[in-house]
Amino acid sequence: MPSTTTDSSEELPRPQKRRTALNRAAVVAVGRRVAVREGLSAVTLRRVASELGVTAMALYRHVGDKRELLVAMLDDVAEQLVLPDGDGPVTERLVLAFRVLHDHLTAELWVVEVLKGGELFGPRASRFVEHVLTLLEEAGLGDERAVDAYWALWWYTFGHLSYLPALGPEGRPARNELMTRVRMDEHPRLSRMLARPPREGAEADAFVRGLEALLRGLL
């Protein structure tokens, strides 16, 4: 009678987990994910490789170093920015362009940290600049004034984005403690302002109102 014992050497091999295909797009996507989740300081080639389940050396076929990775990440963010289209008053289209940019970068605030360095940027962001300069030209500004207007609008937007992390809950305990050192009896208007808690969406509304005021002055 034949034995019913199964020879372990004849067991079928277990299926292996499918690894994400390693390519430049995958490396960039993981870099962005780490930056959004943990901040720019967490983005290293070693960390990205670990997330992909490969060695750091394997990444060098796709990005030469961290600098190249960051530029590729910036370019990816810029490429995904959907430029608003349509008719209407040029002022409204300019406000919309910077609102779209602001919303897009609010979800990727690590971009602001990279741009603060003043060296790196995503070359594909040039299409946004071209879009805005075209609108400013349509509004009647010559080349020099259009360039000045663009920088004013960009610096305003960049400044607002730079301050957004300070509005997060992790920064409030320290700010609240420091505010106890302010003599509120000497600053009645500030006291009244602080007594009114900001409503939801107040920061975004203030950004748009400031943008509209800035455009009125520029145009």
N, C-alpha and C. Protein backbone atom coordinates (compact mmCIF):
# COMPACT_ATOMS: atom_id res chain seq x y z
N MET A 1 0.85 -1.19 0.00
CA MET A 1 0.00 0.00 0.00
C MET A 1 0.89 1.24 0.00
N PRO A 2 0.67 2.17 -0.93
CA PRO A 2 1.55 3.33 -1.03
C PRO A 2 1.40 4.25 0.17
N SER A 3 2.49 4.93 0.52
CA SER A 3 2.47 5.84 1.67
C SER A 3 1.71 7.12 1.30
N THR A 4 0.94 7.61 2.28
CA THR A 4 0.18 8.85 2.05
C THR A 4 0.94 10.07 2.57
N THR A 5 2.15 9.85 3.08
CA THR A 5 2.94 10.97 3.61
C THR A 5 3.43 11.83 2.45
N THR A 6 3.23 13.12 2.58
CA THR A 6 3.66 14.06 1.53
C THR A 6 5.11 14.42 1.72
N ASP A 7 5.90 14.26 0.68
CA ASP A 7 7.31 14.63 0.72
C ASP A 7 7.41 16.16 0.69
N SER A 8 8.04 16.75 1.75
CA SER A 8 8.12 18.21 1.83
C SER A 8 8.84 18.81 0.63
N SER A 9 9.72 17.98 0.04
CA SER A 9 10.47 18.50 -1.11
C SER A 9 9.58 18.68 -2.33
N GLU A 10 8.37 18.08 -2.29
CA GLU A 10 7.47 18.18 -3.42
C GLU A 10 6.41 19.26 -3.23
N GLU A 11 6.47 20.00 -2.08
CA GLU A 11 5.47 21.03 -1.85
C GLU A 11 5.61 22.14 -2.90
N LEU A 12 4.47 22.70 -3.28
CA LEU A 12 4.49 23.78 -4.26
C LEU A 12 5.10 25.03 -3.63
N PRO A 13 5.87 25.79 -4.38
CA PRO A 13 6.46 27.03 -3.85
C PRO A 13 5.38 28.05 -3.53
N ARG A 14 5.57 28.79 -2.44
CA ARG A 14 4.61 29.82 -2.08
C ARG A 14 4.75 31.02 -3.02
N PRO A 15 3.61 31.61 -3.36
CA PRO A 15 3.70 32.76 -4.28
C PRO A 15 4.42 33.93 -3.61
N GLN A 16 5.29 34.60 -4.35
CA GLN A 16 6.02 35.73 -3.83
C GLN A 16 5.19 37.02 -4.01
N LYS A 17 5.37 37.92 -3.06
CA LYS A 17 4.70 39.20 -3.19
C LYS A 17 5.25 39.95 -4.40
N ARG A 18 4.35 40.60 -5.11
CA ARG A 18 4.79 41.37 -6.27
C ARG A 18 5.35 42.71 -5.81
N ARG A 19 6.56 42.99 -6.19
CA ARG A 19 7.19 44.24 -5.83
C ARG A 19 6.85 45.30 -6.87
N THR A 20 6.62 46.52 -6.38
CA THR A 20 6.34 47.62 -7.30
C THR A 20 7.52 47.79 -8.26
N ALA A 21 7.21 47.95 -9.53
CA ALA A 21 8.27 48.11 -10.52
C ALA A 21 9.10 49.33 -10.17
N LEU A 22 10.41 49.15 -10.16
CA LEU A 22 11.30 50.24 -9.79
C LEU A 22 11.61 51.08 -11.03
N ASN A 23 11.12 52.29 -11.01
CA ASN A 23 11.41 53.24 -12.08
C ASN A 23 11.41 54.63 -11.49
N ARG A 24 11.73 55.60 -12.30
CA ARG A 24 11.86 56.97 -11.80
C ARG A 24 10.54 57.48 -11.21
N ALA A 25 9.43 57.17 -11.88
CA ALA A 25 8.14 57.63 -11.39
C ALA A 25 7.83 57.07 -10.00
N ALA A 26 8.16 55.80 -9.77
CA ALA A 26 7.91 55.18 -8.47
C ALA A 26 8.78 55.83 -7.40
N VAL A 27 10.03 56.11 -7.73
CA VAL A 27 10.94 56.75 -6.77
C VAL A 27 10.42 58.13 -6.40
N VAL A 28 9.98 58.89 -7.39
CA VAL A 28 9.47 60.24 -7.15
C VAL A 28 8.19 60.19 -6.30
N ALA A 29 7.31 59.27 -6.63
CA ALA A 29 6.06 59.15 -5.89
C ALA A 29 6.30 58.84 -4.42
N VAL A 30 7.24 57.94 -4.14
CA VAL A 30 7.55 57.60 -2.75
C VAL A 30 8.21 58.78 -2.06
N GLY A 31 9.08 59.49 -2.75
CA GLY A 31 9.70 60.68 -2.17
C GLY A 31 8.67 61.71 -1.76
N ARG A 32 7.70 61.94 -2.61
CA ARG A 32 6.63 62.88 -2.28
C ARG A 32 5.80 62.39 -1.11
N ARG A 33 5.52 61.11 -1.08
CA ARG A 33 4.71 60.56 0.00
C ARG A 33 5.41 60.72 1.35
N VAL A 34 6.70 60.44 1.38
CA VAL A 34 7.47 60.60 2.63
C VAL A 34 7.50 62.08 3.03
N ALA A 35 7.69 62.98 2.07
CA ALA A 35 7.77 64.41 2.37
C ALA A 35 6.45 64.93 2.94
N VAL A 36 5.33 64.51 2.37
CA VAL A 36 4.02 64.95 2.86
C VAL A 36 3.75 64.39 4.25
N ARG A 37 4.11 63.14 4.44
CA ARG A 37 3.77 62.46 5.70
C ARG A 37 4.69 62.85 6.84
N GLU A 38 5.99 63.03 6.54
CA GLU A 38 6.95 63.21 7.63
C GLU A 38 7.81 64.46 7.51
N GLY A 39 7.67 65.18 6.43
CA GLY A 39 8.46 66.40 6.27
C GLY A 39 9.68 66.20 5.39
N LEU A 40 10.22 67.30 4.93
CA LEU A 40 11.32 67.26 3.97
C LEU A 40 12.55 66.58 4.54
N SER A 41 12.82 66.76 5.83
CA SER A 41 14.04 66.20 6.43
C SER A 41 14.06 64.68 6.38
N ALA A 42 12.88 64.05 6.25
CA ALA A 42 12.81 62.59 6.21
C ALA A 42 13.15 62.02 4.84
N VAL A 43 13.21 62.88 3.83
CA VAL A 43 13.45 62.41 2.46
C VAL A 43 14.95 62.21 2.25
N THR A 44 15.36 60.96 2.21
CA THR A 44 16.72 60.58 1.86
C THR A 44 16.63 59.41 0.88
N LEU A 45 17.70 59.19 0.14
CA LEU A 45 17.71 58.06 -0.79
C LEU A 45 17.57 56.75 -0.03
N ARG A 46 18.20 56.67 1.13
CA ARG A 46 18.10 55.45 1.93
C ARG A 46 16.67 55.18 2.37
N ARG A 47 15.97 56.27 2.79
CA ARG A 47 14.60 56.10 3.25
C ARG A 47 13.68 55.72 2.10
N VAL A 48 13.84 56.38 0.97
CA VAL A 48 13.00 56.06 -0.20
C VAL A 48 13.25 54.63 -0.64
N ALA A 49 14.51 54.21 -0.64
CA ALA A 49 14.82 52.83 -1.03
C ALA A 49 14.17 51.84 -0.07
N SER A 50 14.20 52.15 1.22
CA SER A 50 13.58 51.28 2.21
C SER A 50 12.08 51.14 1.96
N GLU A 51 11.42 52.27 1.63
CA GLU A 51 9.98 52.23 1.34
C GLU A 51 9.68 51.38 0.11
N LEU A 52 10.60 51.37 -0.83
CA LEU A 52 10.42 50.60 -2.06
C LEU A 52 10.88 49.15 -1.93
N GLY A 53 11.55 48.84 -0.81
CA GLY A 53 12.04 47.48 -0.60
C GLY A 53 13.26 47.14 -1.43
N VAL A 54 14.10 48.14 -1.70
CA VAL A 54 15.32 47.91 -2.47
C VAL A 54 16.49 48.55 -1.72
N THR A 55 17.69 48.35 -2.23
CA THR A 55 18.85 48.99 -1.64
C THR A 55 18.99 50.41 -2.19
N ALA A 56 19.68 51.24 -1.45
CA ALA A 56 19.89 52.62 -1.89
C ALA A 56 20.63 52.65 -3.23
N MET A 57 21.55 51.71 -3.44
CA MET A 57 22.30 51.67 -4.68
C MET A 57 21.40 51.47 -5.89
N ALA A 58 20.27 50.77 -5.67
CA ALA A 58 19.36 50.50 -6.78
C ALA A 58 18.71 51.78 -7.31
N LEU A 59 18.66 52.82 -6.47
CA LEU A 59 18.01 54.06 -6.89
C LEU A 59 18.87 54.87 -7.85
N TYR A 60 20.18 54.64 -7.82
CA TYR A 60 21.08 55.48 -8.60
C TYR A 60 20.91 55.33 -10.10
N ARG A 61 20.20 54.30 -10.52
CA ARG A 61 19.87 54.16 -11.95
C ARG A 61 18.79 55.17 -12.35
N HIS A 62 18.08 55.71 -11.36
CA HIS A 62 16.92 56.57 -11.64
C HIS A 62 17.11 58.00 -11.15
N VAL A 63 17.80 58.19 -10.03
CA VAL A 63 18.13 59.54 -9.54
C VAL A 63 19.57 59.50 -9.02
N GLY A 64 20.36 60.48 -9.44
CA GLY A 64 21.77 60.45 -9.10
C GLY A 64 22.07 60.77 -7.66
N ASP A 65 21.28 61.66 -7.05
CA ASP A 65 21.50 62.04 -5.67
C ASP A 65 20.22 62.69 -5.15
N LYS A 66 20.27 63.15 -3.90
CA LYS A 66 19.07 63.74 -3.29
C LYS A 66 18.64 64.99 -4.03
N ARG A 67 19.61 65.78 -4.49
CA ARG A 67 19.27 67.00 -5.22
C ARG A 67 18.44 66.68 -6.46
N GLU A 68 18.87 65.68 -7.21
CA GLU A 68 18.12 65.29 -8.42
C GLU A 68 16.74 64.76 -8.06
N LEU A 69 16.65 64.05 -6.94
CA LEU A 69 15.36 63.53 -6.50
C LEU A 69 14.42 64.69 -6.18
N LEU A 70 14.90 65.69 -5.45
CA LEU A 70 14.05 66.83 -5.08
C LEU A 70 13.58 67.60 -6.31
N VAL A 71 14.46 67.80 -7.28
CA VAL A 71 14.06 68.49 -8.50
C VAL A 71 12.99 67.68 -9.23
N ALA A 72 13.15 66.38 -9.28
CA ALA A 72 12.15 65.52 -9.93
C ALA A 72 10.83 65.58 -9.18
N MET A 73 10.88 65.63 -7.86
CA MET A 73 9.66 65.75 -7.05
C MET A 73 8.96 67.08 -7.31
N LEU A 74 9.75 68.17 -7.36
CA LEU A 74 9.18 69.49 -7.66
C LEU A 74 8.55 69.51 -9.04
N ASP A 75 9.22 68.90 -10.00
CA ASP A 75 8.69 68.85 -11.36
C ASP A 75 7.38 68.07 -11.41
N ASP A 76 7.30 67.00 -10.64
CA ASP A 76 6.09 66.19 -10.61
C ASP A 76 4.92 66.99 -10.05
N VAL A 77 5.17 67.74 -8.99
CA VAL A 77 4.12 68.59 -8.41
C VAL A 77 3.70 69.65 -9.42
N ALA A 78 4.67 70.26 -10.10
CA ALA A 78 4.36 71.30 -11.07
C ALA A 78 3.54 70.75 -12.24
N GLU A 79 3.88 69.55 -12.67
CA GLU A 79 3.18 68.95 -13.81
C GLU A 79 1.72 68.66 -13.46
N GLN A 80 1.44 68.34 -12.22
CA GLN A 80 0.08 68.00 -11.80
C GLN A 80 -0.79 69.23 -11.53
N LEU A 81 -0.18 70.41 -11.53
CA LEU A 81 -0.96 71.63 -11.35
C LEU A 81 -1.82 71.88 -12.58
N VAL A 82 -3.12 71.93 -12.39
CA VAL A 82 -4.04 72.15 -13.51
C VAL A 82 -4.30 73.65 -13.63
N LEU A 83 -3.82 74.24 -14.70
CA LEU A 83 -4.01 75.67 -14.90
C LEU A 83 -5.47 75.95 -15.25
N PRO A 84 -6.08 76.91 -14.54
CA PRO A 84 -7.50 77.21 -14.83
C PRO A 84 -7.65 77.85 -16.19
N ASP A 85 -8.71 77.52 -16.85
CA ASP A 85 -8.99 78.06 -18.18
C ASP A 85 -10.34 78.73 -18.14
N GLY A 86 -10.66 79.43 -19.17
CA GLY A 86 -11.99 80.05 -19.24
C GLY A 86 -11.90 81.53 -19.50
N ASP A 87 -13.10 82.14 -19.64
CA ASP A 87 -13.20 83.56 -19.92
C ASP A 87 -13.51 84.31 -18.62
N GLY A 88 -13.88 85.55 -18.77
CA GLY A 88 -14.18 86.37 -17.61
C GLY A 88 -13.16 87.47 -17.44
N PRO A 89 -13.43 88.38 -16.52
CA PRO A 89 -12.48 89.48 -16.26
C PRO A 89 -11.10 88.95 -15.91
N VAL A 90 -10.07 89.63 -16.40
CA VAL A 90 -8.72 89.14 -16.21
C VAL A 90 -8.35 89.11 -14.72
N THR A 91 -8.87 90.04 -13.94
CA THR A 91 -8.57 90.05 -12.50
C THR A 91 -9.07 88.77 -11.85
N GLU A 92 -10.27 88.35 -12.22
CA GLU A 92 -10.84 87.12 -11.65
C GLU A 92 -10.01 85.91 -12.06
N ARG A 93 -9.51 85.90 -13.28
CA ARG A 93 -8.70 84.77 -13.74
C ARG A 93 -7.34 84.74 -13.05
N LEU A 94 -6.81 85.91 -12.73
CA LEU A 94 -5.55 85.96 -11.98
C LEU A 94 -5.75 85.46 -10.55
N VAL A 95 -6.83 85.90 -9.93
CA VAL A 95 -7.13 85.42 -8.57
C VAL A 95 -7.29 83.91 -8.59
N LEU A 96 -8.00 83.41 -9.58
CA LEU A 96 -8.23 81.97 -9.66
C LEU A 96 -6.92 81.21 -9.85
N ALA A 97 -6.03 81.75 -10.68
CA ALA A 97 -4.75 81.07 -10.92
C ALA A 97 -3.96 80.91 -9.62
N PHE A 98 -3.90 81.97 -8.82
CA PHE A 98 -3.14 81.89 -7.58
C PHE A 98 -3.89 81.12 -6.50
N ARG A 99 -5.20 81.11 -6.54
CA ARG A 99 -5.96 80.25 -5.60
C ARG A 99 -5.68 78.78 -5.90
N VAL A 100 -5.68 78.43 -7.19
CA VAL A 100 -5.40 77.05 -7.58
C VAL A 100 -3.98 76.66 -7.15
N LEU A 101 -3.02 77.55 -7.39
CA LEU A 101 -1.64 77.28 -6.98
C LEU A 101 -1.56 77.11 -5.46
N HIS A 102 -2.19 78.01 -4.73
CA HIS A 102 -2.16 77.96 -3.27
C HIS A 102 -2.75 76.65 -2.75
N ASP A 103 -3.89 76.26 -3.27
CA ASP A 103 -4.53 75.00 -2.84
C ASP A 103 -3.65 73.80 -3.17
N HIS A 104 -3.03 73.84 -4.35
CA HIS A 104 -2.18 72.73 -4.80
C HIS A 104 -0.98 72.57 -3.87
N LEU A 105 -0.35 73.67 -3.51
CA LEU A 105 0.85 73.60 -2.68
C LEU A 105 0.53 73.42 -1.20
N THR A 106 -0.68 73.77 -0.79
CA THR A 106 -1.07 73.54 0.61
C THR A 106 -0.99 72.06 0.95
N ALA A 107 -1.26 71.21 -0.03
CA ALA A 107 -1.19 69.76 0.19
C ALA A 107 0.24 69.23 0.09
N GLU A 108 1.18 70.09 -0.30
CA GLU A 108 2.58 69.67 -0.49
C GLU A 108 3.50 70.76 0.07
N LEU A 109 3.35 71.07 1.37
CA LEU A 109 4.08 72.19 1.94
C LEU A 109 5.59 71.98 1.98
N TRP A 110 6.04 70.77 1.79
CA TRP A 110 7.49 70.53 1.69
C TRP A 110 8.09 71.30 0.52
N VAL A 111 7.26 71.57 -0.50
CA VAL A 111 7.74 72.34 -1.65
C VAL A 111 8.23 73.71 -1.19
N VAL A 112 7.48 74.32 -0.26
CA VAL A 112 7.86 75.64 0.25
C VAL A 112 9.23 75.57 0.92
N GLU A 113 9.47 74.50 1.67
CA GLU A 113 10.75 74.34 2.34
C GLU A 113 11.90 74.24 1.33
N VAL A 114 11.68 73.53 0.24
CA VAL A 114 12.72 73.42 -0.78
C VAL A 114 12.97 74.78 -1.44
N LEU A 115 11.90 75.47 -1.79
CA LEU A 115 12.04 76.74 -2.50
C LEU A 115 12.67 77.81 -1.62
N LYS A 116 12.53 77.69 -0.32
CA LYS A 116 13.15 78.67 0.58
C LYS A 116 14.66 78.68 0.41
N GLY A 117 15.22 77.56 0.02
CA GLY A 117 16.67 77.50 -0.18
C GLY A 117 17.15 78.37 -1.32
N GLY A 118 16.23 78.69 -2.25
CA GLY A 118 16.56 79.60 -3.34
C GLY A 118 17.34 79.00 -4.49
N GLU A 119 17.65 77.69 -4.42
CA GLU A 119 18.47 77.09 -5.47
C GLU A 119 17.66 76.17 -6.38
N LEU A 120 16.80 75.36 -5.82
CA LEU A 120 16.10 74.34 -6.60
C LEU A 120 14.67 74.78 -6.95
N PHE A 121 14.21 74.33 -8.10
CA PHE A 121 12.82 74.52 -8.51
C PHE A 121 12.49 73.48 -9.55
N GLY A 122 11.22 73.33 -9.86
CA GLY A 122 10.80 72.40 -10.89
C GLY A 122 10.68 73.13 -12.22
N PRO A 123 11.49 72.80 -13.22
CA PRO A 123 11.43 73.50 -14.50
C PRO A 123 10.03 73.56 -15.11
N ARG A 124 9.20 72.56 -14.84
CA ARG A 124 7.86 72.56 -15.42
C ARG A 124 6.95 73.62 -14.79
N ALA A 125 7.38 74.23 -13.69
CA ALA A 125 6.61 75.31 -13.10
C ALA A 125 6.61 76.54 -14.00
N SER A 126 7.47 76.55 -15.00
CA SER A 126 7.56 77.70 -15.91
C SER A 126 6.24 77.94 -16.64
N ARG A 127 5.45 76.90 -16.83
CA ARG A 127 4.19 77.10 -17.55
C ARG A 127 3.21 77.92 -16.72
N PHE A 128 3.28 77.82 -15.37
CA PHE A 128 2.43 78.67 -14.53
C PHE A 128 2.87 80.12 -14.66
N VAL A 129 4.19 80.35 -14.63
CA VAL A 129 4.71 81.71 -14.77
C VAL A 129 4.26 82.30 -16.11
N GLU A 130 4.37 81.53 -17.18
CA GLU A 130 3.97 81.99 -18.51
C GLU A 130 2.47 82.32 -18.53
N HIS A 131 1.68 81.48 -17.86
CA HIS A 131 0.22 81.69 -17.80
C HIS A 131 -0.10 83.02 -17.13
N VAL A 132 0.54 83.28 -16.00
CA VAL A 132 0.27 84.51 -15.25
C VAL A 132 0.76 85.74 -16.02
N LEU A 133 1.95 85.66 -16.61
CA LEU A 133 2.46 86.80 -17.37
C LEU A 133 1.56 87.10 -18.57
N THR A 134 1.00 86.07 -19.17
CA THR A 134 0.07 86.28 -20.29
C THR A 134 -1.16 87.05 -19.82
N LEU A 135 -1.68 86.68 -18.64
CA LEU A 135 -2.86 87.37 -18.10
C LEU A 135 -2.52 88.81 -17.74
N LEU A 136 -1.34 89.04 -17.16
CA LEU A 136 -0.95 90.39 -16.79
C LEU A 136 -0.76 91.26 -18.03
N GLU A 137 -0.26 90.66 -19.10
CA GLU A 137 -0.14 91.38 -20.38
C GLU A 137 -1.52 91.72 -20.92
N GLU A 138 -2.44 90.77 -20.80
CA GLU A 138 -3.81 91.01 -21.23
C GLU A 138 -4.45 92.14 -20.43
N ALA A 139 -4.03 92.28 -19.17
CA ALA A 139 -4.57 93.34 -18.31
C ALA A 139 -3.98 94.70 -18.64
N GLY A 140 -3.02 94.74 -19.56
CA GLY A 140 -2.49 96.01 -20.02
C GLY A 140 -1.12 96.37 -19.49
N LEU A 141 -0.46 95.46 -18.78
CA LEU A 141 0.86 95.76 -18.24
C LEU A 141 1.94 95.45 -19.27
N GLY A 142 2.93 96.32 -19.34
CA GLY A 142 4.09 96.05 -20.18
C GLY A 142 4.99 95.02 -19.53
N ASP A 143 6.05 94.63 -20.24
CA ASP A 143 6.91 93.56 -19.75
C ASP A 143 7.45 93.81 -18.35
N GLU A 144 8.00 95.00 -18.12
CA GLU A 144 8.63 95.28 -16.83
C GLU A 144 7.63 95.28 -15.70
N ARG A 145 6.51 95.95 -15.90
CA ARG A 145 5.48 96.00 -14.85
C ARG A 145 4.85 94.63 -14.63
N ALA A 146 4.71 93.85 -15.69
CA ALA A 146 4.15 92.50 -15.56
C ALA A 146 5.05 91.62 -14.71
N VAL A 147 6.36 91.74 -14.94
CA VAL A 147 7.31 90.95 -14.14
C VAL A 147 7.25 91.37 -12.67
N ASP A 148 7.22 92.68 -12.41
CA ASP A 148 7.12 93.17 -11.03
C ASP A 148 5.84 92.67 -10.38
N ALA A 149 4.75 92.70 -11.14
CA ALA A 149 3.46 92.25 -10.61
C ALA A 149 3.49 90.76 -10.30
N TYR A 150 4.11 90.00 -11.20
CA TYR A 150 4.20 88.55 -10.96
C TYR A 150 4.92 88.28 -9.65
N TRP A 151 6.08 88.92 -9.44
CA TRP A 151 6.84 88.66 -8.22
C TRP A 151 6.08 89.08 -6.99
N ALA A 152 5.37 90.19 -7.06
CA ALA A 152 4.58 90.62 -5.90
C ALA A 152 3.51 89.58 -5.56
N LEU A 153 2.84 89.07 -6.58
CA LEU A 153 1.79 88.07 -6.36
C LEU A 153 2.38 86.76 -5.84
N TRP A 154 3.53 86.36 -6.41
CA TRP A 154 4.16 85.12 -5.97
C TRP A 154 4.67 85.23 -4.54
N TRP A 155 5.32 86.36 -4.20
CA TRP A 155 5.85 86.52 -2.84
C TRP A 155 4.72 86.55 -1.82
N TYR A 156 3.62 87.17 -2.18
CA TYR A 156 2.46 87.19 -1.28
C TYR A 156 1.96 85.77 -1.04
N THR A 157 1.82 85.00 -2.11
CA THR A 157 1.35 83.62 -2.00
C THR A 157 2.34 82.76 -1.23
N PHE A 158 3.61 82.92 -1.55
CA PHE A 158 4.66 82.14 -0.89
C PHE A 158 4.71 82.44 0.61
N GLY A 159 4.55 83.72 0.96
CA GLY A 159 4.55 84.09 2.37
C GLY A 159 3.40 83.46 3.12
N HIS A 160 2.24 83.44 2.51
CA HIS A 160 1.07 82.82 3.16
C HIS A 160 1.29 81.32 3.34
N LEU A 161 1.82 80.67 2.32
CA LEU A 161 2.08 79.24 2.42
C LEU A 161 3.14 78.94 3.49
N SER A 162 4.13 79.82 3.60
CA SER A 162 5.20 79.61 4.58
C SER A 162 4.67 79.64 6.01
N TYR A 163 3.62 80.40 6.23
CA TYR A 163 3.09 80.55 7.60
C TYR A 163 2.10 79.45 7.96
N LEU A 164 1.58 78.72 6.99
CA LEU A 164 0.55 77.73 7.27
C LEU A 164 0.97 76.70 8.33
N PRO A 165 2.21 76.17 8.32
CA PRO A 165 2.57 75.20 9.36
C PRO A 165 2.45 75.76 10.77
N ALA A 166 2.63 77.07 10.94
CA ALA A 166 2.54 77.67 12.26
C ALA A 166 1.11 77.67 12.79
N LEU A 167 0.14 77.47 11.89
CA LEU A 167 -1.26 77.44 12.32
C LEU A 167 -1.68 76.07 12.80
N GLY A 168 -0.80 75.08 12.65
CA GLY A 168 -1.13 73.71 13.07
C GLY A 168 -1.14 73.58 14.58
N PRO A 169 -1.81 72.57 15.11
CA PRO A 169 -1.93 72.40 16.56
C PRO A 169 -0.61 72.18 17.26
N GLU A 170 0.39 71.62 16.56
CA GLU A 170 1.66 71.34 17.22
C GLU A 170 2.40 72.61 17.62
N GLY A 171 2.07 73.74 16.98
CA GLY A 171 2.75 74.98 17.31
C GLY A 171 2.01 75.84 18.33
N ARG A 172 0.76 75.50 18.63
CA ARG A 172 -0.06 76.35 19.48
C ARG A 172 0.36 76.38 20.94
N PRO A 173 0.74 75.29 21.57
CA PRO A 173 1.11 75.38 22.99
C PRO A 173 2.22 76.39 23.26
N ALA A 174 3.23 76.41 22.42
CA ALA A 174 4.32 77.37 22.61
C ALA A 174 3.84 78.79 22.39
N ARG A 175 3.02 79.00 21.34
CA ARG A 175 2.52 80.35 21.08
C ARG A 175 1.63 80.82 22.22
N ASN A 176 0.78 79.93 22.71
CA ASN A 176 -0.12 80.31 23.80
C ASN A 176 0.64 80.72 25.04
N GLU A 177 1.74 80.00 25.31
CA GLU A 177 2.55 80.35 26.48
C GLU A 177 3.19 81.72 26.30
N LEU A 178 3.67 81.98 25.10
CA LEU A 178 4.31 83.27 24.84
C LEU A 178 3.31 84.42 24.90
N MET A 179 2.08 84.15 24.50
CA MET A 179 1.06 85.20 24.54
C MET A 179 0.74 85.64 25.96
N THR A 180 0.99 84.79 26.93
CA THR A 180 0.73 85.18 28.32
C THR A 180 1.69 86.27 28.77
N ARG A 181 2.76 86.48 28.02
CA ARG A 181 3.74 87.51 28.38
C ARG A 181 3.37 88.89 27.79
N VAL A 182 2.32 88.93 26.97
CA VAL A 182 1.90 90.18 26.35
C VAL A 182 0.95 90.91 27.30
N ARG A 183 1.22 92.19 27.54
CA ARG A 183 0.35 93.02 28.39
C ARG A 183 -0.89 93.41 27.58
N MET A 184 -1.96 92.62 27.72
CA MET A 184 -3.15 92.86 26.92
C MET A 184 -3.80 94.20 27.26
N ASP A 185 -3.61 94.70 28.47
CA ASP A 185 -4.20 96.00 28.82
C ASP A 185 -3.56 97.12 28.01
N GLU A 186 -2.37 96.88 27.46
CA GLU A 186 -1.69 97.87 26.63
C GLU A 186 -2.04 97.71 25.14
N HIS A 187 -2.73 96.62 24.81
CA HIS A 187 -3.06 96.33 23.40
C HIS A 187 -4.53 95.92 23.29
N PRO A 188 -5.44 96.87 23.47
CA PRO A 188 -6.87 96.53 23.50
C PRO A 188 -7.38 95.94 22.18
N ARG A 189 -6.87 96.42 21.06
CA ARG A 189 -7.35 95.90 19.78
C ARG A 189 -6.89 94.46 19.56
N LEU A 190 -5.64 94.19 19.93
CA LEU A 190 -5.15 92.82 19.85
C LEU A 190 -5.96 91.91 20.77
N SER A 191 -6.29 92.42 21.95
CA SER A 191 -7.07 91.62 22.91
C SER A 191 -8.43 91.27 22.32
N ARG A 192 -9.08 92.24 21.66
CA ARG A 192 -10.39 91.97 21.05
C ARG A 192 -10.26 90.98 19.91
N MET A 193 -9.17 91.09 19.15
CA MET A 193 -8.97 90.16 18.03
C MET A 193 -8.81 88.73 18.53
N LEU A 194 -8.01 88.56 19.58
CA LEU A 194 -7.76 87.22 20.11
C LEU A 194 -8.98 86.64 20.80
N ALA A 195 -9.89 87.50 21.22
CA ALA A 195 -11.10 87.02 21.89
C ALA A 195 -12.08 86.40 20.90
N ARG A 196 -11.85 86.64 19.60
CA ARG A 196 -12.72 86.08 18.55
C ARG A 196 -11.99 84.92 17.89
N PRO A 197 -12.36 83.69 18.20
CA PRO A 197 -11.68 82.55 17.59
C PRO A 197 -11.89 82.54 16.09
N PRO A 198 -10.85 82.24 15.32
CA PRO A 198 -10.99 82.23 13.86
C PRO A 198 -11.97 81.16 13.42
N ARG A 199 -12.82 81.53 12.49
CA ARG A 199 -13.77 80.55 11.97
C ARG A 199 -13.08 79.64 10.96
N GLU A 200 -13.71 78.52 10.70
CA GLU A 200 -13.14 77.57 9.75
C GLU A 200 -13.03 78.20 8.36
N GLY A 201 -11.87 78.07 7.76
CA GLY A 201 -11.65 78.62 6.42
C GLY A 201 -11.25 80.08 6.42
N ALA A 202 -11.05 80.68 7.61
CA ALA A 202 -10.72 82.10 7.67
C ALA A 202 -9.40 82.40 6.98
N GLU A 203 -8.42 81.50 7.13
CA GLU A 203 -7.11 81.75 6.52
C GLU A 203 -7.22 81.82 5.00
N ALA A 204 -7.99 80.89 4.42
CA ALA A 204 -8.15 80.88 2.96
C ALA A 204 -8.87 82.13 2.48
N ASP A 205 -9.91 82.56 3.22
CA ASP A 205 -10.65 83.76 2.84
C ASP A 205 -9.75 85.00 2.92
N ALA A 206 -8.95 85.07 3.97
CA ALA A 206 -8.04 86.21 4.13
C ALA A 206 -7.02 86.24 3.00
N PHE A 207 -6.57 85.07 2.57
CA PHE A 207 -5.62 85.00 1.46
C PHE A 207 -6.25 85.58 0.20
N VAL A 208 -7.48 85.21 -0.10
CA VAL A 208 -8.14 85.68 -1.32
C VAL A 208 -8.39 87.18 -1.24
N ARG A 209 -8.86 87.67 -0.10
CA ARG A 209 -9.11 89.12 0.03
C ARG A 209 -7.82 89.92 -0.15
N GLY A 210 -6.74 89.43 0.43
CA GLY A 210 -5.47 90.10 0.26
C GLY A 210 -4.99 90.06 -1.19
N LEU A 211 -5.22 88.94 -1.85
CA LEU A 211 -4.84 88.79 -3.25
C LEU A 211 -5.61 89.76 -4.12
N GLU A 212 -6.90 89.89 -3.87
CA GLU A 212 -7.72 90.82 -4.64
C GLU A 212 -7.27 92.26 -4.43
N ALA A 213 -6.95 92.60 -3.17
CA ALA A 213 -6.50 93.97 -2.87
C ALA A 213 -5.16 94.26 -3.55
N LEU A 214 -4.27 93.28 -3.52
CA LEU A 214 -2.96 93.44 -4.16
C LEU A 214 -3.12 93.63 -5.66
N LEU A 215 -4.00 92.87 -6.27
CA LEU A 215 -4.23 92.99 -7.72
C LEU A 215 -4.83 94.34 -8.08
N ARG A 216 -5.73 94.85 -7.25
CA ARG A 216 -6.31 96.17 -7.53
C ARG A 216 -5.21 97.23 -7.56
N GLY A 217 -4.26 97.12 -6.65
CA GLY A 217 -3.17 98.08 -6.63
C GLY A 217 -2.24 97.92 -7.82
N LEU A 218 -1.96 96.67 -8.19
CA LEU A 218 -1.02 96.41 -9.28
C LEU A 218 -1.59 96.80 -10.63
N LEU A 219 -2.89 96.63 -10.80
CA LEU A 219 -3.51 96.87 -12.11
C LEU A 219 -4.12 98.26 -12.23
